[in-house]
């Protein structure tokens, strides 16, 4: 049984930082590409960042460039999202997701992911 368990969310002031973690089990983690998505109230779930199985290549959306960094530790079956310079518009539930063997163009679409976590709330106060 595959499980993705996010942690690290919380309440932070504008300009603050948080580090999200996603611990994976039940899958060959080192062979899966991993990603973070987020969903704000009354909005569609959107892509935030992705990282290839090897950790060698990352992708992120324009709104988080220079502020968020995705990384992974295959020895710990964990993917991270370091979030700096947080803004109120970053407030959302953050989800990690796993996909196997996807072309890079497919990493941005949630429909292509095989497994999802339950999400962790991030709230940025102004």
PDB file of N, CA and C in Angstrom:
ATOM      1  N   UNK A   1       0.843  -1.192   0.000  1.00  0.00           N
ATOM      2  CA  UNK A   1       0.000   0.000   0.000  1.00  0.00           C
ATOM      3  C   UNK A   1       0.880   1.244   0.000  1.00  0.00           C
ATOM      4  N   UNK A   2       0.671   2.080  -0.992  1.00  0.00           N
ATOM      5  CA  UNK A   2       1.470   3.298  -1.108  1.00  0.00           C
ATOM      6  C   UNK A   2       0.913   4.368  -0.179  1.00  0.00           C
ATOM      7  N   UNK A   3       1.827   5.006   0.535  1.00  0.00           N
ATOM      8  CA  UNK A   3       1.448   6.139   1.380  1.00  0.00           C
ATOM      9  C   UNK A   3       2.415   7.288   1.164  1.00  0.00           C
ATOM     10  N   UNK A   4       1.849   8.475   1.024  1.00  0.00           N
ATOM     11  CA  UNK A   4       2.616   9.719   1.000  1.00  0.00           C
ATOM     12  C   UNK A   4       2.082  10.571   2.139  1.00  0.00           C
ATOM     13  N   UNK A   5       2.951  10.928   3.068  1.00  0.00           N
ATOM     14  CA  UNK A   5       2.521  11.646   4.259  1.00  0.00           C
ATOM     15  C   UNK A   5       3.277  12.970   4.355  1.00  0.00           C
ATOM     16  N   UNK A   6       2.523  14.054   4.197  1.00  0.00           N
ATOM     17  CA  UNK A   6       3.124  15.383   4.276  1.00  0.00           C
ATOM     18  C   UNK A   6       3.168  15.869   5.724  1.00  0.00           C
ATOM     19  N   UNK A   7       4.127  16.726   5.998  1.00  0.00           N
ATOM     20  CA  UNK A   7       4.227  17.371   7.303  1.00  0.00           C
ATOM     21  C   UNK A   7       4.972  18.685   7.141  1.00  0.00           C
ATOM     22  N   UNK A   8       4.929  19.511   8.185  1.00  0.00           N
ATOM     23  CA  UNK A   8       5.682  20.756   8.166  1.00  0.00           C
ATOM     24  C   UNK A   8       4.875  22.006   7.909  1.00  0.00           C
ATOM     25  N   UNK A   9       3.592  21.850   7.618  1.00  0.00           N
ATOM     26  CA  UNK A   9       2.767  23.013   7.398  1.00  0.00           C
ATOM     27  C   UNK A   9       2.499  23.758   8.692  1.00  0.00           C
ATOM     28  N   UNK A  10       1.874  24.937   8.562  1.00  0.00           N
ATOM     29  CA  UNK A  10       1.557  25.720   9.743  1.00  0.00           C
ATOM     30  C   UNK A  10       1.249  27.149   9.397  1.00  0.00           C
ATOM     31  N   UNK A  11       1.226  27.977  10.433  1.00  0.00           N
ATOM     32  CA  UNK A  11       0.939  29.407  10.293  1.00  0.00           C
ATOM     33  C   UNK A  11       2.252  30.177  10.391  1.00  0.00           C
ATOM     34  N   UNK A  12       2.481  31.063   9.431  1.00  0.00           N
ATOM     35  CA  UNK A  12       3.714  31.855   9.399  1.00  0.00           C
ATOM     36  C   UNK A  12       3.390  33.255   8.914  1.00  0.00           C
ATOM     37  N   UNK A  13       4.187  34.217   9.323  1.00  0.00           N
ATOM     38  CA  UNK A  13       3.973  35.587   8.883  1.00  0.00           C
ATOM     39  C   UNK A  13       4.576  35.818   7.501  1.00  0.00           C
ATOM     40  N   UNK A  14       4.101  36.829   6.829  1.00  0.00           N
ATOM     41  CA  UNK A  14       4.663  37.224   5.533  1.00  0.00           C
ATOM     42  C   UNK A  14       6.168  37.403   5.659  1.00  0.00           C
ATOM     43  N   UNK A  15       6.887  36.830   4.695  1.00  0.00           N
ATOM     44  CA  UNK A  15       8.339  36.893   4.711  1.00  0.00           C
ATOM     45  C   UNK A  15       9.008  35.744   5.430  1.00  0.00           C
ATOM     46  N   UNK A  16       8.228  34.932   6.101  1.00  0.00           N
ATOM     47  CA  UNK A  16       8.773  33.804   6.849  1.00  0.00           C
ATOM     48  C   UNK A  16       9.057  32.597   5.972  1.00  0.00           C
ATOM     49  N   UNK A  17       9.485  31.525   6.617  1.00  0.00           N
ATOM     50  CA  UNK A  17       9.881  30.305   5.907  1.00  0.00           C
ATOM     51  C   UNK A  17       9.233  29.088   6.552  1.00  0.00           C
ATOM     52  N   UNK A  18       9.024  28.082   5.730  1.00  0.00           N
ATOM     53  CA  UNK A  18       8.584  26.770   6.187  1.00  0.00           C
ATOM     54  C   UNK A  18       9.269  25.721   5.320  1.00  0.00           C
ATOM     55  N   UNK A  19       9.448  24.541   5.896  1.00  0.00           N
ATOM     56  CA  UNK A  19       9.971  23.417   5.133  1.00  0.00           C
ATOM     57  C   UNK A  19       8.982  22.272   5.236  1.00  0.00           C
ATOM     58  N   UNK A  20       8.403  21.920   4.101  1.00  0.00           N
ATOM     59  CA  UNK A  20       7.490  20.795   4.038  1.00  0.00           C
ATOM     60  C   UNK A  20       8.260  19.518   3.736  1.00  0.00           C
ATOM     61  N   UNK A  21       7.790  18.425   4.306  1.00  0.00           N
ATOM     62  CA  UNK A  21       8.356  17.108   4.035  1.00  0.00           C
ATOM     63  C   UNK A  21       7.249  16.176   3.576  1.00  0.00           C
ATOM     64  N   UNK A  22       7.613  15.223   2.761  1.00  0.00           N
ATOM     65  CA  UNK A  22       6.681  14.191   2.317  1.00  0.00           C
ATOM     66  C   UNK A  22       7.400  12.854   2.393  1.00  0.00           C
ATOM     67  N   UNK A  23       6.973  12.029   3.326  1.00  0.00           N
ATOM     68  CA  UNK A  23       7.587  10.714   3.521  1.00  0.00           C
ATOM     69  C   UNK A  23       6.789   9.672   2.747  1.00  0.00           C
ATOM     70  N   UNK A  24       7.486   8.914   1.915  1.00  0.00           N
ATOM     71  CA  UNK A  24       6.839   7.922   1.066  1.00  0.00           C
ATOM     72  C   UNK A  24       7.133   6.511   1.551  1.00  0.00           C
ATOM     73  N   UNK A  25       6.140   5.636   1.375  1.00  0.00           N
ATOM     74  CA  UNK A  25       6.324   4.226   1.686  1.00  0.00           C
ATOM     75  C   UNK A  25       5.480   3.408   0.721  1.00  0.00           C
ATOM     76  N   UNK A  26       5.870   2.145   0.552  1.00  0.00           N
ATOM     77  CA  UNK A  26       5.105   1.252  -0.299  1.00  0.00           C
ATOM     78  C   UNK A  26       5.380   1.368  -1.782  1.00  0.00           C
ATOM     79  N   UNK A  27       6.379   2.144  -2.154  1.00  0.00           N
ATOM     80  CA  UNK A  27       6.753   2.262  -3.560  1.00  0.00           C
ATOM     81  C   UNK A  27       8.275   2.385  -3.666  1.00  0.00           C
ATOM     82  N   UNK A  28       8.779   2.108  -4.850  1.00  0.00           N
ATOM     83  CA  UNK A  28      10.218   2.239  -5.094  1.00  0.00           C
ATOM     84  C   UNK A  28      10.513   3.721  -5.293  1.00  0.00           C
ATOM     85  N   UNK A  29      10.640   4.410  -4.196  1.00  0.00           N
ATOM     86  CA  UNK A  29      10.689   5.883  -4.201  1.00  0.00           C
ATOM     87  C   UNK A  29      11.738   6.411  -5.168  1.00  0.00           C
ATOM     88  N   UNK A  30      12.901   5.812  -5.185  1.00  0.00           N
ATOM     89  CA  UNK A  30      14.015   6.326  -5.987  1.00  0.00           C
ATOM     90  C   UNK A  30      13.757   6.241  -7.483  1.00  0.00           C
ATOM     91  N   UNK A  31      12.671   5.583  -7.896  1.00  0.00           N
ATOM     92  CA  UNK A  31      12.344   5.481  -9.326  1.00  0.00           C
ATOM     93  C   UNK A  31      11.192   6.394  -9.725  1.00  0.00           C
ATOM     94  N   UNK A  32      10.631   7.105  -8.759  1.00  0.00           N
ATOM     95  CA  UNK A  32       9.479   7.969  -9.023  1.00  0.00           C
ATOM     96  C   UNK A  32       9.885   9.443  -9.070  1.00  0.00           C
ATOM     97  N   UNK A  33       9.315  10.151 -10.023  1.00  0.00           N
ATOM     98  CA  UNK A  33       9.383  11.601 -10.007  1.00  0.00           C
ATOM     99  C   UNK A  33       8.378  12.101  -8.976  1.00  0.00           C
ATOM    100  N   UNK A  34       8.753  13.164  -8.265  1.00  0.00           N
ATOM    101  CA  UNK A  34       7.899  13.670  -7.192  1.00  0.00           C
ATOM    102  C   UNK A  34       7.557  15.133  -7.435  1.00  0.00           C
ATOM    103  N   UNK A  35       6.436  15.553  -6.891  1.00  0.00           N
ATOM    104  CA  UNK A  35       6.010  16.935  -7.102  1.00  0.00           C
ATOM    105  C   UNK A  35       5.236  17.442  -5.901  1.00  0.00           C
ATOM    106  N   UNK A  36       5.141  18.757  -5.843  1.00  0.00           N
ATOM    107  CA  UNK A  36       4.266  19.440  -4.895  1.00  0.00           C
ATOM    108  C   UNK A  36       3.228  20.227  -5.701  1.00  0.00           C
ATOM    109  N   UNK A  37       1.979  20.097  -5.285  1.00  0.00           N
ATOM    110  CA  UNK A  37       0.882  20.904  -5.802  1.00  0.00           C
ATOM    111  C   UNK A  37       0.273  21.638  -4.617  1.00  0.00           C
ATOM    112  N   UNK A  38      -0.548  22.625  -4.909  1.00  0.00           N
ATOM    113  CA  UNK A  38      -1.256  23.327  -3.839  1.00  0.00           C
ATOM    114  C   UNK A  38      -2.643  23.723  -4.302  1.00  0.00           C
ATOM    115  N   UNK A  39      -3.524  23.850  -3.325  1.00  0.00           N
ATOM    116  CA  UNK A  39      -4.890  24.269  -3.624  1.00  0.00           C
ATOM    117  C   UNK A  39      -5.330  25.292  -2.596  1.00  0.00           C
ATOM    118  N   UNK A  40      -5.573  26.502  -3.077  1.00  0.00           N
ATOM    119  CA  UNK A  40      -6.081  27.581  -2.244  1.00  0.00           C
ATOM    120  C   UNK A  40      -7.600  27.498  -2.210  1.00  0.00           C
ATOM    121  N   UNK A  41      -8.222  28.108  -1.197  1.00  0.00           N
ATOM    122  CA  UNK A  41      -9.680  28.087  -1.117  1.00  0.00           C
ATOM    123  C   UNK A  41     -10.324  28.621  -2.391  1.00  0.00           C
ATOM    124  N   UNK A  42     -11.300  27.868  -2.890  1.00  0.00           N
ATOM    125  CA  UNK A  42     -12.088  28.267  -4.060  1.00  0.00           C
ATOM    126  C   UNK A  42     -11.246  28.344  -5.342  1.00  0.00           C
ATOM    127  N   UNK A  43     -10.115  27.685  -5.353  1.00  0.00           N
ATOM    128  CA  UNK A  43      -9.284  27.666  -6.552  1.00  0.00           C
ATOM    129  C   UNK A  43      -8.955  26.238  -6.944  1.00  0.00           C
ATOM    130  N   UNK A  44      -8.526  26.094  -8.191  1.00  0.00           N
ATOM    131  CA  UNK A  44      -8.097  24.792  -8.682  1.00  0.00           C
ATOM    132  C   UNK A  44      -6.753  24.424  -8.061  1.00  0.00           C
ATOM    133  N   UNK A  45      -6.507  23.125  -7.952  1.00  0.00           N
ATOM    134  CA  UNK A  45      -5.199  22.678  -7.525  1.00  0.00           C
ATOM    135  C   UNK A  45      -4.178  23.031  -8.600  1.00  0.00           C
ATOM    136  N   UNK A  46      -3.026  23.551  -8.190  1.00  0.00           N
ATOM    137  CA  UNK A  46      -2.033  23.985  -9.155  1.00  0.00           C
ATOM    138  C   UNK A  46      -0.656  23.400  -8.850  1.00  0.00           C
ATOM    139  N   UNK A  47       0.118  23.264  -9.901  1.00  0.00           N
ATOM    140  CA  UNK A  47       1.478  22.756  -9.809  1.00  0.00           C
ATOM    141  C   UNK A  47       2.375  23.784  -9.125  1.00  0.00           C
ATOM    142  N   UNK A  48       3.254  23.286  -8.250  1.00  0.00           N
ATOM    143  CA  UNK A  48       4.222  24.153  -7.593  1.00  0.00           C
ATOM    144  C   UNK A  48       5.654  23.818  -8.050  1.00  0.00           C
ATOM    145  N   UNK A  49       6.043  22.555  -7.878  1.00  0.00           N
ATOM    146  CA  UNK A  49       7.412  22.161  -8.214  1.00  0.00           C
ATOM    147  C   UNK A  49       7.475  20.652  -8.377  1.00  0.00           C
ATOM    148  N   UNK A  50       8.460  20.204  -9.149  1.00  0.00           N
ATOM    149  CA  UNK A  50       8.677  18.769  -9.343  1.00  0.00           C
ATOM    150  C   UNK A  50      10.164  18.484  -9.388  1.00  0.00           C
ATOM    151  N   UNK A  51      10.498  17.234  -9.116  1.00  0.00           N
ATOM    152  CA  UNK A  51      11.895  16.819  -9.133  1.00  0.00           C
ATOM    153  C   UNK A  51      11.970  15.411  -9.700  1.00  0.00           C
ATOM    154  N   UNK A  52      12.933  15.207 -10.577  1.00  0.00           N
ATOM    155  CA  UNK A  52      13.137  13.903 -11.203  1.00  0.00           C
ATOM    156  C   UNK A  52      13.599  12.871 -10.185  1.00  0.00           C
ATOM    157  N   UNK A  53      13.431  11.608 -10.522  1.00  0.00           N
ATOM    158  CA  UNK A  53      13.751  10.513  -9.611  1.00  0.00           C
ATOM    159  C   UNK A  53      15.189  10.591  -9.105  1.00  0.00           C
ATOM    160  N   UNK A  54      16.094  11.069  -9.952  1.00  0.00           N
ATOM    161  CA  UNK A  54      17.505  11.124  -9.564  1.00  0.00           C
ATOM    162  C   UNK A  54      17.834  12.369  -8.744  1.00  0.00           C
ATOM    163  N   UNK A  55      16.901  13.325  -8.741  1.00  0.00           N
ATOM    164  CA  UNK A  55      17.181  14.598  -8.076  1.00  0.00           C
ATOM    165  C   UNK A  55      17.952  15.570  -8.941  1.00  0.00           C
ATOM    166  N   UNK A  56      18.298  15.142 -10.159  1.00  0.00           N
ATOM    167  CA  UNK A  56      19.158  15.963 -10.993  1.00  0.00           C
ATOM    168  C   UNK A  56      18.470  17.114 -11.690  1.00  0.00           C
ATOM    169  N   UNK A  57      17.153  17.018 -11.855  1.00  0.00           N
ATOM    170  CA  UNK A  57      16.428  18.057 -12.577  1.00  0.00           C
ATOM    171  C   UNK A  57      15.201  18.457 -11.778  1.00  0.00           C
ATOM    172  N   UNK A  58      14.972  19.753 -11.693  1.00  0.00           N
ATOM    173  CA  UNK A  58      13.790  20.258 -10.995  1.00  0.00           C
ATOM    174  C   UNK A  58      13.019  21.211 -11.898  1.00  0.00           C
ATOM    175  N   UNK A  59      11.765  21.377 -11.585  1.00  0.00           N
ATOM    176  CA  UNK A  59      10.871  22.263 -12.332  1.00  0.00           C
ATOM    177  C   UNK A  59      10.056  23.036 -11.294  1.00  0.00           C
ATOM    178  N   UNK A  60       9.747  24.284 -11.588  1.00  0.00           N
ATOM    179  CA  UNK A  60       8.848  25.007 -10.700  1.00  0.00           C
ATOM    180  C   UNK A  60       8.040  26.026 -11.486  1.00  0.00           C
ATOM    181  N   UNK A  61       7.008  26.495 -10.839  1.00  0.00           N
ATOM    182  CA  UNK A  61       6.135  27.460 -11.491  1.00  0.00           C
ATOM    183  C   UNK A  61       6.660  28.870 -11.256  1.00  0.00           C
ATOM    184  N   UNK A  62       6.323  29.778 -12.129  1.00  0.00           N
ATOM    185  CA  UNK A  62       6.894  31.132 -12.077  1.00  0.00           C
ATOM    186  C   UNK A  62       6.646  31.832 -10.747  1.00  0.00           C
ATOM    187  N   UNK A  63       5.497  31.607 -10.156  1.00  0.00           N
ATOM    188  CA  UNK A  63       5.133  32.345  -8.944  1.00  0.00           C
ATOM    189  C   UNK A  63       6.006  31.986  -7.737  1.00  0.00           C
ATOM    190  N   UNK A  64       6.751  30.886  -7.801  1.00  0.00           N
ATOM    191  CA  UNK A  64       7.578  30.495  -6.663  1.00  0.00           C
ATOM    192  C   UNK A  64       9.066  30.515  -6.988  1.00  0.00           C
ATOM    193  N   UNK A  65       9.406  30.856  -8.216  1.00  0.00           N
ATOM    194  CA  UNK A  65      10.826  30.869  -8.605  1.00  0.00           C
ATOM    195  C   UNK A  65      11.628  31.794  -7.707  1.00  0.00           C
ATOM    196  N   UNK A  66      12.766  31.304  -7.273  1.00  0.00           N
ATOM    197  CA  UNK A  66      13.634  32.096  -6.401  1.00  0.00           C
ATOM    198  C   UNK A  66      13.225  32.089  -4.947  1.00  0.00           C
ATOM    199  N   UNK A  67      12.066  31.516  -4.635  1.00  0.00           N
ATOM    200  CA  UNK A  67      11.597  31.472  -3.243  1.00  0.00           C
ATOM    201  C   UNK A  67      11.468  30.046  -2.716  1.00  0.00           C
ATOM    202  N   UNK A  68      11.016  29.140  -3.553  1.00  0.00           N
ATOM    203  CA  UNK A  68      10.792  27.745  -3.146  1.00  0.00           C
ATOM    204  C   UNK A  68      11.842  26.853  -3.794  1.00  0.00           C
ATOM    205  N   UNK A  69      12.259  25.829  -3.058  1.00  0.00           N
ATOM    206  CA  UNK A  69      13.214  24.856  -3.579  1.00  0.00           C
ATOM    207  C   UNK A  69      12.740  23.450  -3.255  1.00  0.00           C
ATOM    208  N   UNK A  70      12.629  22.632  -4.285  1.00  0.00           N
ATOM    209  CA  UNK A  70      12.279  21.230  -4.074  1.00  0.00           C
ATOM    210  C   UNK A  70      13.559  20.407  -4.043  1.00  0.00           C
ATOM    211  N   UNK A  71      13.578  19.412  -3.175  1.00  0.00           N
ATOM    212  CA  UNK A  71      14.729  18.513  -3.084  1.00  0.00           C
ATOM    213  C   UNK A  71      14.236  17.155  -2.607  1.00  0.00           C
ATOM    214  N   UNK A  72      15.130  16.168  -2.656  1.00  0.00           N
ATOM    215  CA  UNK A  72      14.732  14.844  -2.212  1.00  0.00           C
ATOM    216  C   UNK A  72      15.925  14.116  -1.616  1.00  0.00           C
ATOM    217  N   UNK A  73      15.610  13.166  -0.759  1.00  0.00           N
ATOM    218  CA  UNK A  73      16.615  12.293  -0.164  1.00  0.00           C
ATOM    219  C   UNK A  73      16.130  10.866  -0.407  1.00  0.00           C
ATOM    220  N   UNK A  74      16.684  10.230  -1.403  1.00  0.00           N
ATOM    221  CA  UNK A  74      16.222   8.888  -1.757  1.00  0.00           C
ATOM    222  C   UNK A  74      16.556   7.856  -0.683  1.00  0.00           C
ATOM    223  N   UNK A  75      17.556   8.124   0.123  1.00  0.00           N
ATOM    224  CA  UNK A  75      17.882   7.200   1.209  1.00  0.00           C
ATOM    225  C   UNK A  75      16.827   7.246   2.311  1.00  0.00           C
ATOM    226  N   UNK A  76      16.143   8.382   2.421  1.00  0.00           N
ATOM    227  CA  UNK A  76      15.100   8.546   3.438  1.00  0.00           C
ATOM    228  C   UNK A  76      13.694   8.490   2.850  1.00  0.00           C
ATOM    229  N   UNK A  77      13.596   8.230   1.543  1.00  0.00           N
ATOM    230  CA  UNK A  77      12.277   8.174   0.875  1.00  0.00           C
ATOM    231  C   UNK A  77      11.461   9.427   1.149  1.00  0.00           C
ATOM    232  N   UNK A  78      12.107  10.567   1.069  1.00  0.00           N
ATOM    233  CA  UNK A  78      11.451  11.817   1.436  1.00  0.00           C
ATOM    234  C   UNK A  78      11.740  12.901   0.407  1.00  0.00           C
ATOM    235  N   UNK A  79      10.712  13.672   0.113  1.00  0.00           N
ATOM    236  CA  UNK A  79      10.861  14.848  -0.727  1.00  0.00           C
ATOM    237  C   UNK A  79      10.512  16.072   0.125  1.00  0.00           C
ATOM    238  N   UNK A  80      11.202  17.173  -0.162  1.00  0.00           N
ATOM    239  CA  UNK A  80      11.059  18.378   0.634  1.00  0.00           C
ATOM    240  C   UNK A  80      10.647  19.557  -0.245  1.00  0.00           C
ATOM    241  N   UNK A  81      10.042  20.540   0.399  1.00  0.00           N
ATOM    242  CA  UNK A  81       9.791  21.819  -0.253  1.00  0.00           C
ATOM    243  C   UNK A  81      10.183  22.913   0.739  1.00  0.00           C
ATOM    244  N   UNK A  82      11.310  23.554   0.458  1.00  0.00           N
ATOM    245  CA  UNK A  82      11.750  24.681   1.277  1.00  0.00           C
ATOM    246  C   UNK A  82      11.083  25.940   0.729  1.00  0.00           C
ATOM    247  N   UNK A  83      10.332  26.618   1.574  1.00  0.00           N
ATOM    248  CA  UNK A  83       9.589  27.792   1.150  1.00  0.00           C
ATOM    249  C   UNK A  83      10.082  29.005   1.922  1.00  0.00           C
ATOM    250  N   UNK A  84      10.643  29.954   1.209  1.00  0.00           N
ATOM    251  CA  UNK A  84      11.150  31.181   1.804  1.00  0.00           C
ATOM    252  C   UNK A  84      10.366  32.377   1.278  1.00  0.00           C
ATOM    253  N   UNK A  85      10.518  33.490   1.955  1.00  0.00           N
ATOM    254  CA  UNK A  85       9.852  34.739   1.537  1.00  0.00           C
ATOM    255  C   UNK A  85       8.373  34.505   1.253  1.00  0.00           C
ATOM    256  N   UNK A  86       7.709  33.854   2.168  1.00  0.00           N
ATOM    257  CA  UNK A  86       6.315  33.484   1.953  1.00  0.00           C
ATOM    258  C   UNK A  86       5.416  34.699   1.884  1.00  0.00           C
ATOM    259  N   UNK A  87       4.381  34.578   1.057  1.00  0.00           N
ATOM    260  CA  UNK A  87       3.417  35.644   0.831  1.00  0.00           C
ATOM    261  C   UNK A  87       2.017  35.130   1.182  1.00  0.00           C
ATOM    262  N   UNK A  88       1.095  36.021   1.479  1.00  0.00           N
ATOM    263  CA  UNK A  88      -0.282  35.569   1.768  1.00  0.00           C
ATOM    264  C   UNK A  88      -0.875  34.728   0.635  1.00  0.00           C
ATOM    265  N   UNK A  89      -0.506  35.033  -0.599  1.00  0.00           N
ATOM    266  CA  UNK A  89      -1.040  34.260  -1.735  1.00  0.00           C
ATOM    267  C   UNK A  89      -0.482  32.840  -1.818  1.00  0.00           C
ATOM    268  N   UNK A  90       0.482  32.512  -0.970  1.00  0.00           N
ATOM    269  CA  UNK A  90       0.974  31.135  -0.890  1.00  0.00           C
ATOM    270  C   UNK A  90       0.097  30.279   0.022  1.00  0.00           C
ATOM    271  N   UNK A  91      -0.862  30.899   0.702  1.00  0.00           N
ATOM    272  CA  UNK A  91      -1.754  30.161   1.579  1.00  0.00           C
ATOM    273  C   UNK A  91      -2.543  29.123   0.784  1.00  0.00           C
ATOM    274  N   UNK A  92      -2.438  27.860   1.217  1.00  0.00           N
ATOM    275  CA  UNK A  92      -3.085  26.767   0.493  1.00  0.00           C
ATOM    276  C   UNK A  92      -2.840  25.469   1.251  1.00  0.00           C
ATOM    277  N   UNK A  93      -3.533  24.424   0.822  1.00  0.00           N
ATOM    278  CA  UNK A  93      -3.182  23.070   1.227  1.00  0.00           C
ATOM    279  C   UNK A  93      -2.156  22.562   0.221  1.00  0.00           C
ATOM    280  N   UNK A  94      -1.051  22.085   0.717  1.00  0.00           N
ATOM    281  CA  UNK A  94       0.039  21.596  -0.129  1.00  0.00           C
ATOM    282  C   UNK A  94       0.025  20.071  -0.141  1.00  0.00           C
ATOM    283  N   UNK A  95       0.080  19.525  -1.354  1.00  0.00           N
ATOM    284  CA  UNK A  95       0.035  18.083  -1.552  1.00  0.00           C
ATOM    285  C   UNK A  95       1.315  17.613  -2.238  1.00  0.00           C
ATOM    286  N   UNK A  96       1.835  16.470  -1.812  1.00  0.00           N
ATOM    287  CA  UNK A  96       2.881  15.862  -2.603  1.00  0.00           C
ATOM    288  C   UNK A  96       2.267  14.740  -3.443  1.00  0.00           C
ATOM    289  N   UNK A  97       2.930  14.445  -4.552  1.00  0.00           N
ATOM    290  CA  UNK A  97       2.424  13.465  -5.495  1.00  0.00           C
ATOM    291  C   UNK A  97       3.590  12.741  -6.153  1.00  0.00           C
ATOM    292  N   UNK A  98       3.311  11.526  -6.606  1.00  0.00           N
ATOM    293  CA  UNK A  98       4.343  10.692  -7.222  1.00  0.00           C
ATOM    294  C   UNK A  98       3.871  10.188  -8.579  1.00  0.00           C
ATOM    295  N   UNK A  99       4.792  10.159  -9.527  1.00  0.00           N
ATOM    296  CA  UNK A  99       4.499   9.642 -10.860  1.00  0.00           C
ATOM    297  C   UNK A  99       5.704   8.859 -11.346  1.00  0.00           C
ATOM    298  N   UNK A 100       5.412   7.794 -12.104  1.00  0.00           N
ATOM    299  CA  UNK A 100       6.487   6.954 -12.623  1.00  0.00           C
ATOM    300  C   UNK A 100       6.611   7.129 -14.132  1.00  0.00           C
ATOM    301  N   UNK A 101       7.816   7.406 -14.582  1.00  0.00           N
ATOM    302  CA  UNK A 101       8.105   7.381 -16.010  1.00  0.00           C
ATOM    303  C   UNK A 101       7.409   8.425 -16.852  1.00  0.00           C
ATOM    304  N   UNK A 102       7.157   9.602 -16.290  1.00  0.00           N
ATOM    305  CA  UNK A 102       6.446  10.629 -17.057  1.00  0.00           C
ATOM    306  C   UNK A 102       7.409  11.475 -17.873  1.00  0.00           C
ATOM    307  N   UNK A 103       6.961  11.853 -19.064  1.00  0.00           N
ATOM    308  CA  UNK A 103       7.710  12.837 -19.836  1.00  0.00           C
ATOM    309  C   UNK A 103       7.672  14.163 -19.078  1.00  0.00           C
ATOM    310  N   UNK A 104       8.708  14.962 -19.263  1.00  0.00           N
ATOM    311  CA  UNK A 104       8.797  16.209 -18.490  1.00  0.00           C
ATOM    312  C   UNK A 104       7.572  17.102 -18.705  1.00  0.00           C
ATOM    313  N   UNK A 105       6.998  17.079 -19.890  1.00  0.00           N
ATOM    314  CA  UNK A 105       5.832  17.929 -20.161  1.00  0.00           C
ATOM    315  C   UNK A 105       4.616  17.506 -19.339  1.00  0.00           C
ATOM    316  N   UNK A 106       4.617  16.277 -18.851  1.00  0.00           N
ATOM    317  CA  UNK A 106       3.473  15.776 -18.097  1.00  0.00           C
ATOM    318  C   UNK A 106       3.583  16.039 -16.598  1.00  0.00           C
ATOM    319  N   UNK A 107       4.729  16.507 -16.155  1.00  0.00           N
ATOM    320  CA  UNK A 107       4.932  16.712 -14.725  1.00  0.00           C
ATOM    321  C   UNK A 107       4.087  17.848 -14.170  1.00  0.00           C
ATOM    322  N   UNK A 108       3.619  18.732 -15.036  1.00  0.00           N
ATOM    323  CA  UNK A 108       2.878  19.899 -14.588  1.00  0.00           C
ATOM    324  C   UNK A 108       1.393  19.624 -14.379  1.00  0.00           C
ATOM    325  N   UNK A 109       0.919  18.464 -14.821  1.00  0.00           N
ATOM    326  CA  UNK A 109      -0.520  18.178 -14.776  1.00  0.00           C
ATOM    327  C   UNK A 109      -0.852  17.165 -13.708  1.00  0.00           C
ATOM    328  N   UNK A 110      -1.731  17.495 -12.810  1.00  0.00           N
ATOM    329  CA  UNK A 110      -2.065  16.618 -11.698  1.00  0.00           C
ATOM    330  C   UNK A 110      -2.663  15.307 -12.157  1.00  0.00           C
ATOM    331  N   UNK A 111      -3.349  15.309 -13.290  1.00  0.00           N
ATOM    332  CA  UNK A 111      -4.015  14.092 -13.766  1.00  0.00           C
ATOM    333  C   UNK A 111      -3.018  12.978 -14.080  1.00  0.00           C
ATOM    334  N   UNK A 112      -1.755  13.323 -14.261  1.00  0.00           N
ATOM    335  CA  UNK A 112      -0.752  12.326 -14.649  1.00  0.00           C
ATOM    336  C   UNK A 112      -0.123  11.620 -13.458  1.00  0.00           C
ATOM    337  N   UNK A 113      -0.446  12.047 -12.252  1.00  0.00           N
ATOM    338  CA  UNK A 113       0.208  11.493 -11.066  1.00  0.00           C
ATOM    339  C   UNK A 113      -0.528  10.264 -10.550  1.00  0.00           C
ATOM    340  N   UNK A 114       0.275   9.296 -10.106  1.00  0.00           N
ATOM    341  CA  UNK A 114      -0.270   8.023  -9.659  1.00  0.00           C
ATOM    342  C   UNK A 114      -0.713   8.040  -8.194  1.00  0.00           C
ATOM    343  N   UNK A 115       0.019   8.732  -7.365  1.00  0.00           N
ATOM    344  CA  UNK A 115      -0.240   8.694  -5.931  1.00  0.00           C
ATOM    345  C   UNK A 115      -0.201  10.106  -5.335  1.00  0.00           C
ATOM    346  N   UNK A 116      -1.037  10.292  -4.287  1.00  0.00           N
ATOM    347  CA  UNK A 116      -1.161  11.596  -3.638  1.00  0.00           C
ATOM    348  C   UNK A 116      -1.135  11.446  -2.132  1.00  0.00           C
ATOM    349  N   UNK A 117      -0.611  12.490  -1.464  1.00  0.00           N
ATOM    350  CA  UNK A 117      -0.728  12.571  -0.021  1.00  0.00           C
ATOM    351  C   UNK A 117      -2.038  13.231   0.371  1.00  0.00           C
ATOM    352  N   UNK A 118      -2.234  13.363   1.678  1.00  0.00           N
ATOM    353  CA  UNK A 118      -3.484  13.915   2.194  1.00  0.00           C
ATOM    354  C   UNK A 118      -3.444  15.433   2.309  1.00  0.00           C
ATOM    355  N   UNK A 119      -2.256  16.007   2.203  1.00  0.00           N
ATOM    356  CA  UNK A 119      -2.121  17.454   2.230  1.00  0.00           C
ATOM    357  C   UNK A 119      -1.741  18.003   3.589  1.00  0.00           C
ATOM    358  N   UNK A 120      -1.102  19.168   3.568  1.00  0.00           N
ATOM    359  CA  UNK A 120      -0.758  19.884   4.789  1.00  0.00           C
ATOM    360  C   UNK A 120      -1.062  21.365   4.575  1.00  0.00           C
ATOM    361  N   UNK A 121      -1.681  21.985   5.566  1.00  0.00           N
ATOM    362  CA  UNK A 121      -2.123  23.382   5.436  1.00  0.00           C
ATOM    363  C   UNK A 121      -0.967  24.343   5.687  1.00  0.00           C
ATOM    364  N   UNK A 122      -0.822  25.286   4.790  1.00  0.00           N
ATOM    365  CA  UNK A 122       0.122  26.396   4.964  1.00  0.00           C
ATOM    366  C   UNK A 122      -0.687  27.684   4.957  1.00  0.00           C
ATOM    367  N   UNK A 123      -0.554  28.470   6.011  1.00  0.00           N
ATOM    368  CA  UNK A 123      -1.258  29.737   6.108  1.00  0.00           C
ATOM    369  C   UNK A 123      -0.249  30.842   6.351  1.00  0.00           C
ATOM    370  N   UNK A 124      -0.268  31.856   5.480  1.00  0.00           N
ATOM    371  CA  UNK A 124       0.658  32.982   5.591  1.00  0.00           C
ATOM    372  C   UNK A 124      -0.158  34.212   5.949  1.00  0.00           C
ATOM    373  N   UNK A 125       0.123  34.778   7.105  1.00  0.00           N
ATOM    374  CA  UNK A 125      -0.628  35.951   7.555  1.00  0.00           C
ATOM    375  C   UNK A 125       0.062  37.225   7.086  1.00  0.00           C
ATOM    376  N   UNK A 126      -0.764  38.229   6.816  1.00  0.00           N
ATOM    377  CA  UNK A 126      -0.229  39.505   6.311  1.00  0.00           C
ATOM    378  C   UNK A 126       0.068  40.461   7.452  1.00  0.00           C
TER     379      UNK A 126
END
